[in-house]
């Protein structure tokens, strides 16, 4: 008879390995967004990150706050990052160049008080 502990270990291993197998046709994009605005005046709102057909939305960021999300997009496709956001009610957007195909990335985006975006891409 199989013990409960053995079943739990087997189940955990199966779930971890199946997650890897299910993402076989996608690239992972680990995205960090930081807002370096003026704490007394500004709030970053309605922040959306889009890569390929995957997207994520945050309601708001306070100055100095950093948030992260993992997005997945199709391999063998020209993927880029689109960032949509509001500062002081003003709608803004930013778009990256196309990223290398079949590559996972760590993407760091910093939005300053004027809405300008500084980027850093690291291949994983």
Protein backbone atom coordinates (compact mmCIF):
# COMPACT_ATOMS: atom_id res chain seq x y z
CA UNK A 1 0.00 0.00 0.00
CA UNK A 2 1.27 3.48 -0.90
CA UNK A 3 1.57 5.98 1.93
CA UNK A 4 0.04 9.45 1.85
CA UNK A 5 3.52 11.00 2.00
CA UNK A 6 4.61 9.07 -1.11
CA UNK A 7 1.47 10.15 -2.95
CA UNK A 8 2.05 13.79 -2.04
CA UNK A 9 5.66 13.70 -3.22
CA UNK A 10 4.69 11.97 -6.46
CA UNK A 11 1.86 14.48 -7.05
CA UNK A 12 4.13 17.48 -6.47
CA UNK A 13 6.76 16.09 -8.85
CA UNK A 14 4.13 15.39 -11.50
CA UNK A 15 2.67 18.90 -11.24
CA UNK A 16 6.08 20.57 -11.50
CA UNK A 17 7.13 18.52 -14.51
CA UNK A 18 3.78 18.94 -16.28
CA UNK A 19 3.98 22.73 -15.92
CA UNK A 20 7.29 22.64 -17.76
CA UNK A 21 5.89 20.40 -20.48
CA UNK A 22 2.76 22.50 -21.01
CA UNK A 23 4.80 25.63 -21.72
CA UNK A 24 6.89 23.91 -24.39
CA UNK A 25 5.66 26.18 -27.20
CA UNK A 26 5.98 29.47 -25.31
CA UNK A 27 8.69 31.81 -24.09
CA UNK A 28 8.67 33.18 -20.53
CA UNK A 29 8.93 36.91 -19.94
CA UNK A 30 9.56 37.80 -16.28
CA UNK A 31 8.46 41.44 -16.16
CA UNK A 32 9.21 43.91 -13.34
CA UNK A 33 7.66 47.37 -13.42
CA UNK A 34 8.89 50.14 -11.11
CA UNK A 35 7.38 53.61 -10.66
CA UNK A 36 9.88 56.30 -9.65
CA UNK A 37 7.40 59.19 -9.54
CA UNK A 38 6.91 61.96 -7.00
CA UNK A 39 5.22 60.44 -3.93
CA UNK A 40 3.48 63.68 -2.94
CA UNK A 41 1.92 64.33 -6.32
CA UNK A 42 1.60 61.29 -8.52
CA UNK A 43 0.10 57.89 -8.78
CA UNK A 44 0.55 55.50 -11.68
CA UNK A 45 -2.80 53.99 -12.67
CA UNK A 46 -4.31 51.38 -15.00
CA UNK A 47 -0.95 49.79 -15.83
CA UNK A 48 -1.13 47.08 -18.49
CA UNK A 49 1.72 44.95 -19.83
CA UNK A 50 1.14 43.05 -23.08
CA UNK A 51 3.46 40.54 -24.75
CA UNK A 52 2.05 38.64 -27.71
CA UNK A 53 -1.45 37.52 -26.72
CA UNK A 54 -0.69 37.44 -22.97
CA UNK A 55 -1.39 40.49 -20.80
CA UNK A 56 -1.64 41.61 -17.19
CA UNK A 57 -3.15 44.66 -15.47
CA UNK A 58 -2.49 46.45 -12.17
CA UNK A 59 -4.87 49.08 -10.81
CA UNK A 60 -2.19 51.41 -9.47
CA UNK A 61 1.39 51.96 -8.26
CA UNK A 62 2.56 54.31 -5.54
CA UNK A 63 5.90 56.10 -6.02
CA UNK A 64 8.82 53.72 -5.45
CA UNK A 65 6.63 50.64 -5.77
CA UNK A 66 7.73 47.66 -7.88
CA UNK A 67 5.49 44.85 -9.10
CA UNK A 68 6.21 41.79 -11.21
CA UNK A 69 4.43 39.23 -13.35
CA UNK A 70 5.37 36.33 -15.61
CA UNK A 71 3.89 36.43 -19.10
CA UNK A 72 4.11 33.77 -21.81
CA UNK A 73 4.11 34.30 -25.56
CA UNK A 74 4.45 32.07 -28.59
CA UNK A 75 7.85 30.81 -29.68
CA UNK A 76 8.86 31.43 -33.29
CA UNK A 77 7.08 34.78 -33.18
CA UNK A 78 8.31 38.36 -33.16
CA UNK A 79 7.21 39.38 -29.66
CA UNK A 80 7.54 42.84 -28.19
CA UNK A 81 6.48 44.54 -24.95
CA UNK A 82 3.63 47.05 -24.89
CA UNK A 83 3.09 49.09 -21.75
CA UNK A 84 -0.10 51.16 -21.29
CA UNK A 85 -0.54 53.41 -18.24
CA UNK A 86 -1.95 56.65 -16.85
CA UNK A 87 -0.20 59.39 -14.88
CA UNK A 88 -2.41 62.18 -13.55
CA UNK A 89 -5.25 60.94 -15.76
CA UNK A 90 -3.08 61.28 -18.88
CA UNK A 91 -3.00 58.09 -20.98
CA UNK A 92 0.47 57.04 -22.09
CA UNK A 93 2.03 54.10 -23.90
CA UNK A 94 5.43 52.61 -24.63
CA UNK A 95 6.47 49.81 -26.97
CA UNK A 96 9.76 47.93 -27.22
CA UNK A 97 11.54 46.71 -30.27
CA UNK A 98 10.92 43.09 -31.31
CA UNK A 99 12.66 40.61 -29.02
CA UNK A 100 14.70 37.62 -30.20
CA UNK A 101 12.62 34.56 -31.02
CA UNK A 102 12.79 31.39 -28.91
CA UNK A 103 14.32 33.23 -25.93
CA UNK A 104 13.14 33.74 -22.35
CA UNK A 105 13.69 37.24 -20.90
CA UNK A 106 13.88 39.16 -17.64
CA UNK A 107 12.39 42.57 -18.47
CA UNK A 108 12.85 45.52 -16.12
CA UNK A 109 10.83 48.66 -16.83
CA UNK A 110 11.04 51.89 -14.83
CA UNK A 111 8.50 54.66 -15.35
CA UNK A 112 9.63 58.09 -14.19
CA UNK A 113 7.52 61.05 -12.98
CA UNK A 114 7.14 62.35 -16.56
CA UNK A 115 5.99 58.96 -17.90
CA UNK A 116 9.28 58.12 -19.64
CA UNK A 117 10.23 54.43 -19.63
CA UNK A 118 13.73 53.06 -19.05
CA UNK A 119 14.17 49.43 -20.06
CA UNK A 120 16.53 46.58 -19.38
CA UNK A 121 16.28 43.21 -21.15
CA UNK A 122 18.27 40.20 -20.00
CA UNK A 123 18.12 36.88 -21.85
CA UNK A 124 17.56 33.97 -19.50
